[in-house]
mmCIF file of all heavy atoms, coordinates in Angstrom:
data_MODEL
# 
_entry.id   MODEL 
# 
loop_
_atom_site.group_PDB 
_atom_site.id 
_atom_site.type_symbol 
_atom_site.label_atom_id 
_atom_site.label_alt_id 
_atom_site.label_comp_id 
_atom_site.label_asym_id 
_atom_site.label_entity_id 
_atom_site.label_seq_id 
_atom_site.pdbx_PDB_ins_code 
_atom_site.Cartn_x 
_atom_site.Cartn_y 
_atom_site.Cartn_z 
_atom_site.occupancy 
_atom_site.B_iso_or_equiv 
_atom_site.pdbx_formal_charge 
_atom_site.auth_seq_id 
_atom_site.auth_comp_id 
_atom_site.auth_asym_id 
_atom_site.auth_atom_id 
_atom_site.pdbx_PDB_model_num 
ATOM 1   N N   . MET A 1 1  ? 0.828   -1.205 0.000  1.00 0.00 ? 1  MET A N   1 
ATOM 2   C CA  . MET A 1 1  ? 0.000   0.000  0.000  1.00 0.00 ? 1  MET A CA  1 
ATOM 3   C C   . MET A 1 1  ? 0.860   1.251  0.000  1.00 0.00 ? 1  MET A C   1 
ATOM 4   O O   . MET A 1 1  ? 1.965   1.255  0.530  1.00 0.00 ? 1  MET A O   1 
ATOM 5   C CB  . MET A 1 1  ? -0.850  0.057  1.262  1.00 0.00 ? 1  MET A CB  1 
ATOM 6   C CG  . MET A 1 1  ? -2.058  -0.779 1.271  1.00 0.00 ? 1  MET A CG  1 
ATOM 7   S SD  . MET A 1 1  ? -3.004  -0.370 2.732  1.00 0.00 ? 1  MET A SD  1 
ATOM 8   C CE  . MET A 1 1  ? -3.637  -1.955 3.141  1.00 0.00 ? 1  MET A CE  1 
ATOM 9   N N   . SER A 1 2  ? 0.305   2.317  -0.552 1.00 0.00 ? 2  SER A N   1 
ATOM 10  C CA  . SER A 1 2  ? 0.974   3.604  -0.440 1.00 0.00 ? 2  SER A CA  1 
ATOM 11  C C   . SER A 1 2  ? 0.814   4.118  0.988  1.00 0.00 ? 2  SER A C   1 
ATOM 12  O O   . SER A 1 2  ? -0.110  3.728  1.695  1.00 0.00 ? 2  SER A O   1 
ATOM 13  C CB  . SER A 1 2  ? 0.370   4.606  -1.421 1.00 0.00 ? 2  SER A CB  1 
ATOM 14  O OG  . SER A 1 2  ? -0.966  4.894  -1.061 1.00 0.00 ? 2  SER A OG  1 
ATOM 15  N N   . GLN A 1 3  ? 1.720   4.972  1.418  1.00 0.00 ? 3  GLN A N   1 
ATOM 16  C CA  . GLN A 1 3  ? 1.653   5.514  2.774  1.00 0.00 ? 3  GLN A CA  1 
ATOM 17  C C   . GLN A 1 3  ? 0.390   6.349  2.962  1.00 0.00 ? 3  GLN A C   1 
ATOM 18  O O   . GLN A 1 3  ? -0.191  6.370  4.042  1.00 0.00 ? 3  GLN A O   1 
ATOM 19  C CB  . GLN A 1 3  ? 2.892   6.373  3.066  1.00 0.00 ? 3  GLN A CB  1 
ATOM 20  C CG  . GLN A 1 3  ? 4.149   5.552  3.244  1.00 0.00 ? 3  GLN A CG  1 
ATOM 21  C CD  . GLN A 1 3  ? 4.013   4.567  4.385  1.00 0.00 ? 3  GLN A CD  1 
ATOM 22  O OE1 . GLN A 1 3  ? 3.676   4.936  5.496  1.00 0.00 ? 3  GLN A OE1 1 
ATOM 23  N NE2 . GLN A 1 3  ? 4.268   3.301  4.092  1.00 0.00 ? 3  GLN A NE2 1 
ATOM 24  N N   . LYS A 1 4  ? -0.032  7.008  1.907  1.00 0.00 ? 4  LYS A N   1 
ATOM 25  C CA  . LYS A 1 4  ? -1.249  7.821  1.977  1.00 0.00 ? 4  LYS A CA  1 
ATOM 26  C C   . LYS A 1 4  ? -2.462  6.949  2.286  1.00 0.00 ? 4  LYS A C   1 
ATOM 27  O O   . LYS A 1 4  ? -3.305  7.295  3.109  1.00 0.00 ? 4  LYS A O   1 
ATOM 28  C CB  . LYS A 1 4  ? -1.446  8.543  0.646  1.00 0.00 ? 4  LYS A CB  1 
ATOM 29  C CG  . LYS A 1 4  ? -2.638  9.463  0.599  1.00 0.00 ? 4  LYS A CG  1 
ATOM 30  C CD  . LYS A 1 4  ? -2.677  10.183 -0.739 1.00 0.00 ? 4  LYS A CD  1 
ATOM 31  C CE  . LYS A 1 4  ? -3.839  11.147 -0.810 1.00 0.00 ? 4  LYS A CE  1 
ATOM 32  N NZ  . LYS A 1 4  ? -3.858  11.850 -2.112 1.00 0.00 ? 4  LYS A NZ  1 
ATOM 33  N N   . ARG A 1 5  ? -2.520  5.786  1.638  1.00 0.00 ? 5  ARG A N   1 
ATOM 34  C CA  . ARG A 1 5  ? -3.640  4.875  1.867  1.00 0.00 ? 5  ARG A CA  1 
ATOM 35  C C   . ARG A 1 5  ? -3.592  4.287  3.277  1.00 0.00 ? 5  ARG A C   1 
ATOM 36  O O   . ARG A 1 5  ? -4.625  4.157  3.944  1.00 0.00 ? 5  ARG A O   1 
ATOM 37  C CB  . ARG A 1 5  ? -3.604  3.768  0.830  1.00 0.00 ? 5  ARG A CB  1 
ATOM 38  C CG  . ARG A 1 5  ? -4.780  2.837  0.881  1.00 0.00 ? 5  ARG A CG  1 
ATOM 39  C CD  . ARG A 1 5  ? -4.727  1.894  -0.290 1.00 0.00 ? 5  ARG A CD  1 
ATOM 40  N NE  . ARG A 1 5  ? -5.641  0.788  -0.090 1.00 0.00 ? 5  ARG A NE  1 
ATOM 41  C CZ  . ARG A 1 5  ? -5.579  -0.352 -0.761 1.00 0.00 ? 5  ARG A CZ  1 
ATOM 42  N NH1 . ARG A 1 5  ? -4.664  -0.532 -1.665 1.00 0.00 ? 5  ARG A NH1 1 
ATOM 43  N NH2 . ARG A 1 5  ? -6.449  -1.291 -0.528 1.00 0.00 ? 5  ARG A NH2 1 
ATOM 44  N N   . SER A 1 6  ? -2.392  3.934  3.752  1.00 0.00 ? 6  SER A N   1 
ATOM 45  C CA  . SER A 1 6  ? -2.245  3.374  5.099  1.00 0.00 ? 6  SER A CA  1 
ATOM 46  C C   . SER A 1 6  ? -2.680  4.364  6.159  1.00 0.00 ? 6  SER A C   1 
ATOM 47  O O   . SER A 1 6  ? -3.339  3.995  7.131  1.00 0.00 ? 6  SER A O   1 
ATOM 48  C CB  . SER A 1 6  ? -0.799  2.970  5.346  1.00 0.00 ? 6  SER A CB  1 
ATOM 49  O OG  . SER A 1 6  ? -0.404  1.955  4.463  1.00 0.00 ? 6  SER A OG  1 
ATOM 50  N N   . ARG A 1 7  ? -2.317  5.607  5.999  1.00 0.00 ? 7  ARG A N   1 
ATOM 51  C CA  . ARG A 1 7  ? -2.709  6.644  6.967  1.00 0.00 ? 7  ARG A CA  1 
ATOM 52  C C   . ARG A 1 7  ? -4.215  6.830  6.980  1.00 0.00 ? 7  ARG A C   1 
ATOM 53  O O   . ARG A 1 7  ? -4.821  7.003  8.039  1.00 0.00 ? 7  ARG A O   1 
ATOM 54  C CB  . ARG A 1 7  ? -2.033  7.975  6.621  1.00 0.00 ? 7  ARG A CB  1 
ATOM 55  C CG  . ARG A 1 7  ? -0.595  8.083  7.041  1.00 0.00 ? 7  ARG A CG  1 
ATOM 56  C CD  . ARG A 1 7  ? -0.115  9.523  6.977  1.00 0.00 ? 7  ARG A CD  1 
ATOM 57  N NE  . ARG A 1 7  ? -0.322  10.132 5.676  1.00 0.00 ? 7  ARG A NE  1 
ATOM 58  C CZ  . ARG A 1 7  ? 0.548   10.054 4.662  1.00 0.00 ? 7  ARG A CZ  1 
ATOM 59  N NH1 . ARG A 1 7  ? 1.675   9.377  4.794  1.00 0.00 ? 7  ARG A NH1 1 
ATOM 60  N NH2 . ARG A 1 7  ? 0.301   10.649 3.529  1.00 0.00 ? 7  ARG A NH2 1 
ATOM 61  N N   . ARG A 1 8  ? -4.818  6.784  5.817  1.00 0.00 ? 8  ARG A N   1 
ATOM 62  C CA  . ARG A 1 8  ? -6.261  6.994  5.718  1.00 0.00 ? 8  ARG A CA  1 
ATOM 63  C C   . ARG A 1 8  ? -7.052  5.855  6.376  1.00 0.00 ? 8  ARG A C   1 
ATOM 64  O O   . ARG A 1 8  ? -8.163  6.061  6.868  1.00 0.00 ? 8  ARG A O   1 
ATOM 65  C CB  . ARG A 1 8  ? -6.643  7.125  4.241  1.00 0.00 ? 8  ARG A CB  1 
ATOM 66  C CG  . ARG A 1 8  ? -8.034  7.633  3.979  1.00 0.00 ? 8  ARG A CG  1 
ATOM 67  C CD  . ARG A 1 8  ? -8.234  7.982  2.525  1.00 0.00 ? 8  ARG A CD  1 
ATOM 68  N NE  . ARG A 1 8  ? -7.671  7.014  1.612  1.00 0.00 ? 8  ARG A NE  1 
ATOM 69  C CZ  . ARG A 1 8  ? -8.265  5.884  1.223  1.00 0.00 ? 8  ARG A CZ  1 
ATOM 70  N NH1 . ARG A 1 8  ? -9.447  5.572  1.704  1.00 0.00 ? 8  ARG A NH1 1 
ATOM 71  N NH2 . ARG A 1 8  ? -7.677  5.069  0.369  1.00 0.00 ? 8  ARG A NH2 1 
ATOM 72  N N   . LEU A 1 9  ? -6.468  4.651  6.404  1.00 0.00 ? 9  LEU A N   1 
ATOM 73  C CA  . LEU A 1 9  ? -7.153  3.493  6.963  1.00 0.00 ? 9  LEU A CA  1 
ATOM 74  C C   . LEU A 1 9  ? -6.943  3.332  8.464  1.00 0.00 ? 9  LEU A C   1 
ATOM 75  O O   . LEU A 1 9  ? -7.520  2.437  9.071  1.00 0.00 ? 9  LEU A O   1 
ATOM 76  C CB  . LEU A 1 9  ? -6.691  2.222  6.248  1.00 0.00 ? 9  LEU A CB  1 
ATOM 77  C CG  . LEU A 1 9  ? -7.105  2.091  4.778  1.00 0.00 ? 9  LEU A CG  1 
ATOM 78  C CD1 . LEU A 1 9  ? -6.468  0.875  4.162  1.00 0.00 ? 9  LEU A CD1 1 
ATOM 79  C CD2 . LEU A 1 9  ? -8.602  2.048  4.645  1.00 0.00 ? 9  LEU A CD2 1 
ATOM 80  N N   . ARG A 1 10 ? -6.126  4.177  9.075  1.00 0.00 ? 10 ARG A N   1 
ATOM 81  C CA  . ARG A 1 10 ? -5.879  4.062  10.514 1.00 0.00 ? 10 ARG A CA  1 
ATOM 82  C C   . ARG A 1 10 ? -7.103  4.448  11.322 1.00 0.00 ? 10 ARG A C   1 
ATOM 83  O O   . ARG A 1 10 ? -7.962  5.207  10.861 1.00 0.00 ? 10 ARG A O   1 
ATOM 84  C CB  . ARG A 1 10 ? -4.738  4.993  10.919 1.00 0.00 ? 10 ARG A CB  1 
ATOM 85  C CG  . ARG A 1 10 ? -3.386  4.396  10.744 1.00 0.00 ? 10 ARG A CG  1 
ATOM 86  C CD  . ARG A 1 10 ? -2.341  5.309  11.338 1.00 0.00 ? 10 ARG A CD  1 
ATOM 87  N NE  . ARG A 1 10 ? -1.078  5.068  10.655 1.00 0.00 ? 10 ARG A NE  1 
ATOM 88  C CZ  . ARG A 1 10 ? -0.215  6.008  10.317 1.00 0.00 ? 10 ARG A CZ  1 
ATOM 89  N NH1 . ARG A 1 10 ? -0.446  7.260  10.615 1.00 0.00 ? 10 ARG A NH1 1 
ATOM 90  N NH2 . ARG A 1 10 ? 0.898   5.688  9.703  1.00 0.00 ? 10 ARG A NH2 1 
ATOM 91  N N   . GLY A 1 11 ? -7.155  3.935  12.556 1.00 0.00 ? 11 GLY A N   1 
ATOM 92  C CA  . GLY A 1 11 ? -8.214  4.333  13.476 1.00 0.00 ? 11 GLY A CA  1 
ATOM 93  C C   . GLY A 1 11 ? -9.517  3.622  13.220 1.00 0.00 ? 11 GLY A C   1 
ATOM 94  O O   . GLY A 1 11 ? -9.592  2.659  12.456 1.00 0.00 ? 11 GLY A O   1 
ATOM 95  N N   . THR A 1 12 ? -10.565 4.083  13.879 1.00 0.00 ? 12 THR A N   1 
ATOM 96  C CA  . THR A 1 12 ? -11.883 3.468  13.743 1.00 0.00 ? 12 THR A CA  1 
ATOM 97  C C   . THR A 1 12 ? -12.861 4.472  13.145 1.00 0.00 ? 12 THR A C   1 
ATOM 98  O O   . THR A 1 12 ? -12.663 5.683  13.238 1.00 0.00 ? 12 THR A O   1 
ATOM 99  C CB  . THR A 1 12 ? -12.424 3.014  15.114 1.00 0.00 ? 12 THR A CB  1 
ATOM 100 O OG1 . THR A 1 12 ? -12.438 4.132  15.995 1.00 0.00 ? 12 THR A OG1 1 
ATOM 101 C CG2 . THR A 1 12 ? -11.555 1.926  15.705 1.00 0.00 ? 12 THR A CG2 1 
ATOM 102 N N   . THR A 1 13 ? -13.902 3.945  12.523 1.00 0.00 ? 13 THR A N   1 
ATOM 103 C CA  . THR A 1 13 ? -14.946 4.783  11.943 1.00 0.00 ? 13 THR A CA  1 
ATOM 104 C C   . THR A 1 13 ? -16.302 4.241  12.375 1.00 0.00 ? 13 THR A C   1 
ATOM 105 O O   . THR A 1 13 ? -16.402 3.117  12.867 1.00 0.00 ? 13 THR A O   1 
ATOM 106 C CB  . THR A 1 13 ? -14.863 4.787  10.404 1.00 0.00 ? 13 THR A CB  1 
ATOM 107 O OG1 . THR A 1 13 ? -14.896 3.443  9.944  1.00 0.00 ? 13 THR A OG1 1 
ATOM 108 C CG2 . THR A 1 13 ? -13.595 5.448  9.926  1.00 0.00 ? 13 THR A CG2 1 
ATOM 109 N N   . THR A 1 14 ? -17.335 5.029  12.186 1.00 0.00 ? 14 THR A N   1 
ATOM 110 C CA  . THR A 1 14 ? -18.676 4.588  12.551 1.00 0.00 ? 14 THR A CA  1 
ATOM 111 C C   . THR A 1 14 ? -19.286 3.787  11.407 1.00 0.00 ? 14 THR A C   1 
ATOM 112 O O   . THR A 1 14 ? -18.941 3.984  10.246 1.00 0.00 ? 14 THR A O   1 
ATOM 113 C CB  . THR A 1 14 ? -19.588 5.787  12.860 1.00 0.00 ? 14 THR A CB  1 
ATOM 114 O OG1 . THR A 1 14 ? -19.618 6.648  11.721 1.00 0.00 ? 14 THR A OG1 1 
ATOM 115 C CG2 . THR A 1 14 ? -19.078 6.554  14.056 1.00 0.00 ? 14 THR A CG2 1 
ATOM 116 N N   . THR A 1 15 ? -20.176 2.875  11.763 1.00 0.00 ? 15 THR A N   1 
ATOM 117 C CA  . THR A 1 15 ? -20.865 2.091  10.744 1.00 0.00 ? 15 THR A CA  1 
ATOM 118 C C   . THR A 1 15 ? -22.061 2.879  10.220 1.00 0.00 ? 15 THR A C   1 
ATOM 119 O O   . THR A 1 15 ? -22.406 3.937  10.747 1.00 0.00 ? 15 THR A O   1 
ATOM 120 C CB  . THR A 1 15 ? -21.370 0.753  11.319 1.00 0.00 ? 15 THR A CB  1 
ATOM 121 O OG1 . THR A 1 15 ? -22.218 1.042  12.415 1.00 0.00 ? 15 THR A OG1 1 
ATOM 122 C CG2 . THR A 1 15 ? -20.235 -0.114 11.779 1.00 0.00 ? 15 THR A CG2 1 
ATOM 123 N N   . ALA A 1 16 ? -22.693 2.326  9.209  1.00 0.00 ? 16 ALA A N   1 
ATOM 124 C CA  . ALA A 1 16 ? -23.890 2.945  8.664  1.00 0.00 ? 16 ALA A CA  1 
ATOM 125 C C   . ALA A 1 16 ? -24.996 2.928  9.723  1.00 0.00 ? 16 ALA A C   1 
ATOM 126 O O   . ALA A 1 16 ? -25.090 2.004  10.528 1.00 0.00 ? 16 ALA A O   1 
ATOM 127 C CB  . ALA A 1 16 ? -24.347 2.199  7.425  1.00 0.00 ? 16 ALA A CB  1 
ATOM 128 N N   . THR A 1 17 ? -25.804 3.951  9.729  1.00 0.00 ? 17 THR A N   1 
ATOM 129 C CA  . THR A 1 17 ? -26.873 4.080  10.722 1.00 0.00 ? 17 THR A CA  1 
ATOM 130 C C   . THR A 1 17 ? -27.852 2.919  10.649 1.00 0.00 ? 17 THR A C   1 
ATOM 131 O O   . THR A 1 17 ? -28.366 2.471  11.671 1.00 0.00 ? 17 THR A O   1 
ATOM 132 C CB  . THR A 1 17 ? -27.626 5.403  10.501 1.00 0.00 ? 17 THR A CB  1 
ATOM 133 O OG1 . THR A 1 17 ? -26.668 6.457  10.370 1.00 0.00 ? 17 THR A OG1 1 
ATOM 134 C CG2 . THR A 1 17 ? -28.526 5.720  11.663 1.00 0.00 ? 17 THR A CG2 1 
ATOM 135 N N   . ALA A 1 18 ? -28.103 2.398  9.459  1.00 0.00 ? 18 ALA A N   1 
ATOM 136 C CA  . ALA A 1 18 ? -29.059 1.308  9.290  1.00 0.00 ? 18 ALA A CA  1 
ATOM 137 C C   . ALA A 1 18 ? -28.585 0.029  9.982  1.00 0.00 ? 18 ALA A C   1 
ATOM 138 O O   . ALA A 1 18 ? -29.403 -0.782 10.427 1.00 0.00 ? 18 ALA A O   1 
ATOM 139 C CB  . ALA A 1 18 ? -29.269 1.035  7.807  1.00 0.00 ? 18 ALA A CB  1 
ATOM 140 N N   . GLU A 1 19 ? -27.280 -0.171 10.101 1.00 0.00 ? 19 GLU A N   1 
ATOM 141 C CA  . GLU A 1 19 ? -26.739 -1.387 10.703 1.00 0.00 ? 19 GLU A CA  1 
ATOM 142 C C   . GLU A 1 19 ? -26.585 -1.276 12.215 1.00 0.00 ? 19 GLU A C   1 
ATOM 143 O O   . GLU A 1 19 ? -26.424 -2.290 12.907 1.00 0.00 ? 19 GLU A O   1 
ATOM 144 C CB  . GLU A 1 19 ? -25.366 -1.709 10.103 1.00 0.00 ? 19 GLU A CB  1 
ATOM 145 C CG  . GLU A 1 19 ? -25.370 -1.923 8.611  1.00 0.00 ? 19 GLU A CG  1 
ATOM 146 C CD  . GLU A 1 19 ? -26.185 -3.128 8.190  1.00 0.00 ? 19 GLU A CD  1 
ATOM 147 O OE1 . GLU A 1 19 ? -26.214 -4.113 8.937  1.00 0.00 ? 19 GLU A OE1 1 
ATOM 148 O OE2 . GLU A 1 19 ? -26.799 -3.072 7.119  1.00 0.00 ? 19 GLU A OE2 1 
ATOM 149 N N   . THR A 1 20 ? -26.625 -0.074 12.760 1.00 0.00 ? 20 THR A N   1 
ATOM 150 C CA  . THR A 1 20 ? -26.309 0.150  14.168 1.00 0.00 ? 20 THR A CA  1 
ATOM 151 C C   . THR A 1 20 ? -27.236 -0.611 15.094 1.00 0.00 ? 20 THR A C   1 
ATOM 152 O O   . THR A 1 20 ? -26.782 -1.229 16.066 1.00 0.00 ? 20 THR A O   1 
ATOM 153 C CB  . THR A 1 20 ? -26.370 1.660  14.488 1.00 0.00 ? 20 THR A CB  1 
ATOM 154 O OG1 . THR A 1 20 ? -25.455 2.346  13.634 1.00 0.00 ? 20 THR A OG1 1 
ATOM 155 C CG2 . THR A 1 20 ? -25.984 1.924  15.924 1.00 0.00 ? 20 THR A CG2 1 
ATOM 156 N N   . ARG A 1 21 ? -28.521 -0.634 14.827 1.00 0.00 ? 21 ARG A N   1 
ATOM 157 C CA  . ARG A 1 21 ? -29.475 -1.295 15.714 1.00 0.00 ? 21 ARG A CA  1 
ATOM 158 C C   . ARG A 1 21 ? -29.218 -2.793 15.780 1.00 0.00 ? 21 ARG A C   1 
ATOM 159 O O   . ARG A 1 21 ? -29.266 -3.404 16.854 1.00 0.00 ? 21 ARG A O   1 
ATOM 160 C CB  . ARG A 1 21 ? -30.910 -1.006 15.237 1.00 0.00 ? 21 ARG A CB  1 
ATOM 161 C CG  . ARG A 1 21 ? -31.973 -1.568 16.142 1.00 0.00 ? 21 ARG A CG  1 
ATOM 162 C CD  . ARG A 1 21 ? -31.937 -0.923 17.522 1.00 0.00 ? 21 ARG A CD  1 
ATOM 163 N NE  . ARG A 1 21 ? -32.833 -1.618 18.441 1.00 0.00 ? 21 ARG A NE  1 
ATOM 164 C CZ  . ARG A 1 21 ? -32.623 -1.757 19.741 1.00 0.00 ? 21 ARG A CZ  1 
ATOM 165 N NH1 . ARG A 1 21 ? -31.558 -1.261 20.296 1.00 0.00 ? 21 ARG A NH1 1 
ATOM 166 N NH2 . ARG A 1 21 ? -33.479 -2.397 20.482 1.00 0.00 ? 21 ARG A NH2 1 
ATOM 167 N N   . ARG A 1 22 ? -28.924 -3.423 14.637 1.00 0.00 ? 22 ARG A N   1 
ATOM 168 C CA  . ARG A 1 22 ? -28.636 -4.858 14.614 1.00 0.00 ? 22 ARG A CA  1 
ATOM 169 C C   . ARG A 1 22 ? -27.384 -5.184 15.413 1.00 0.00 ? 22 ARG A C   1 
ATOM 170 O O   . ARG A 1 22 ? -27.331 -6.197 16.109 1.00 0.00 ? 22 ARG A O   1 
ATOM 171 C CB  . ARG A 1 22 ? -28.463 -5.337 13.174 1.00 0.00 ? 22 ARG A CB  1 
ATOM 172 C CG  . ARG A 1 22 ? -29.773 -5.478 12.448 1.00 0.00 ? 22 ARG A CG  1 
ATOM 173 C CD  . ARG A 1 22 ? -29.604 -5.824 10.993 1.00 0.00 ? 22 ARG A CD  1 
ATOM 174 N NE  . ARG A 1 22 ? -28.625 -6.869 10.790 1.00 0.00 ? 22 ARG A NE  1 
ATOM 175 C CZ  . ARG A 1 22 ? -28.084 -7.155 9.608  1.00 0.00 ? 22 ARG A CZ  1 
ATOM 176 N NH1 . ARG A 1 22 ? -28.429 -6.457 8.543  1.00 0.00 ? 22 ARG A NH1 1 
ATOM 177 N NH2 . ARG A 1 22 ? -27.213 -8.121 9.485  1.00 0.00 ? 22 ARG A NH2 1 
ATOM 178 N N   . ILE A 1 23 ? -26.386 -4.332 15.331 1.00 0.00 ? 23 ILE A N   1 
ATOM 179 C CA  . ILE A 1 23 ? -25.144 -4.543 16.084 1.00 0.00 ? 23 ILE A CA  1 
ATOM 180 C C   . ILE A 1 23 ? -25.397 -4.381 17.577 1.00 0.00 ? 23 ILE A C   1 
ATOM 181 O O   . ILE A 1 23 ? -24.891 -5.153 18.389 1.00 0.00 ? 23 ILE A O   1 
ATOM 182 C CB  . ILE A 1 23 ? -24.051 -3.583 15.578 1.00 0.00 ? 23 ILE A CB  1 
ATOM 183 C CG1 . ILE A 1 23 ? -23.677 -3.933 14.141 1.00 0.00 ? 23 ILE A CG1 1 
ATOM 184 C CG2 . ILE A 1 23 ? -22.820 -3.637 16.476 1.00 0.00 ? 23 ILE A CG2 1 
ATOM 185 C CD1 . ILE A 1 23 ? -22.837 -2.900 13.448 1.00 0.00 ? 23 ILE A CD1 1 
ATOM 186 N N   . GLN A 1 24 ? -26.195 -3.409 17.943 1.00 0.00 ? 24 GLN A N   1 
ATOM 187 C CA  . GLN A 1 24 ? -26.516 -3.183 19.362 1.00 0.00 ? 24 GLN A CA  1 
ATOM 188 C C   . GLN A 1 24 ? -27.221 -4.402 19.953 1.00 0.00 ? 24 GLN A C   1 
ATOM 189 O O   . GLN A 1 24 ? -26.918 -4.826 21.061 1.00 0.00 ? 24 GLN A O   1 
ATOM 190 C CB  . GLN A 1 24 ? -27.397 -1.952 19.526 1.00 0.00 ? 24 GLN A CB  1 
ATOM 191 C CG  . GLN A 1 24 ? -26.684 -0.640 19.313 1.00 0.00 ? 24 GLN A CG  1 
ATOM 192 C CD  . GLN A 1 24 ? -27.633 0.537  19.319 1.00 0.00 ? 24 GLN A CD  1 
ATOM 193 O OE1 . GLN A 1 24 ? -28.842 0.376  19.203 1.00 0.00 ? 24 GLN A OE1 1 
ATOM 194 N NE2 . GLN A 1 24 ? -27.078 1.722  19.435 1.00 0.00 ? 24 GLN A NE2 1 
ATOM 195 N N   . VAL A 1 25 ? -28.158 -4.989 19.215 1.00 0.00 ? 25 VAL A N   1 
ATOM 196 C CA  . VAL A 1 25 ? -28.884 -6.159 19.685 1.00 0.00 ? 25 VAL A CA  1 
ATOM 197 C C   . VAL A 1 25 ? -27.932 -7.348 19.824 1.00 0.00 ? 25 VAL A C   1 
ATOM 198 O O   . VAL A 1 25 ? -27.978 -8.087 20.812 1.00 0.00 ? 25 VAL A O   1 
ATOM 199 C CB  . VAL A 1 25 ? -30.053 -6.487 18.744 1.00 0.00 ? 25 VAL A CB  1 
ATOM 200 C CG1 . VAL A 1 25 ? -30.670 -7.839 19.083 1.00 0.00 ? 25 VAL A CG1 1 
ATOM 201 C CG2 . VAL A 1 25 ? -31.101 -5.399 18.811 1.00 0.00 ? 25 VAL A CG2 1 
ATOM 202 N N   . ALA A 1 26 ? -27.041 -7.516 18.851 1.00 0.00 ? 26 ALA A N   1 
ATOM 203 C CA  . ALA A 1 26 ? -26.101 -8.640 18.891 1.00 0.00 ? 26 ALA A CA  1 
ATOM 204 C C   . ALA A 1 26 ? -25.126 -8.534 20.047 1.00 0.00 ? 26 ALA A C   1 
ATOM 205 O O   . ALA A 1 26 ? -24.671 -9.541 20.582 1.00 0.00 ? 26 ALA A O   1 
ATOM 206 C CB  . ALA A 1 26 ? -25.331 -8.724 17.567 1.00 0.00 ? 26 ALA A CB  1 
ATOM 207 N N   . LEU A 1 27 ? -24.825 -7.300 20.464 1.00 0.00 ? 27 LEU A N   1 
ATOM 208 C CA  . LEU A 1 27 ? -23.903 -7.093 21.581 1.00 0.00 ? 27 LEU A CA  1 
ATOM 209 C C   . LEU A 1 27 ? -24.614 -7.023 22.920 1.00 0.00 ? 27 LEU A C   1 
ATOM 210 O O   . LEU A 1 27 ? -23.985 -6.805 23.947 1.00 0.00 ? 27 LEU A O   1 
ATOM 211 C CB  . LEU A 1 27 ? -23.102 -5.807 21.364 1.00 0.00 ? 27 LEU A CB  1 
ATOM 212 C CG  . LEU A 1 27 ? -22.139 -5.826 20.170 1.00 0.00 ? 27 LEU A CG  1 
ATOM 213 C CD1 . LEU A 1 27 ? -21.450 -4.489 20.022 1.00 0.00 ? 27 LEU A CD1 1 
ATOM 214 C CD2 . LEU A 1 27 ? -21.124 -6.947 20.311 1.00 0.00 ? 27 LEU A CD2 1 
ATOM 215 N N   . GLY A 1 28 ? -25.935 -7.195 22.911 1.00 0.00 ? 28 GLY A N   1 
ATOM 216 C CA  . GLY A 1 28 ? -26.694 -7.207 24.155 1.00 0.00 ? 28 GLY A CA  1 
ATOM 217 C C   . GLY A 1 28 ? -26.883 -5.839 24.773 1.00 0.00 ? 28 GLY A C   1 
ATOM 218 O O   . GLY A 1 28 ? -26.979 -5.693 25.988 1.00 0.00 ? 28 GLY A O   1 
# 
């Protein structure tokens, strides 16, 4: 990968709003 791409992929991001409820239920 280019360094620019590696830097952009660092850290965490939020998921799509539509998926959030399903994830919350799965995590109790």
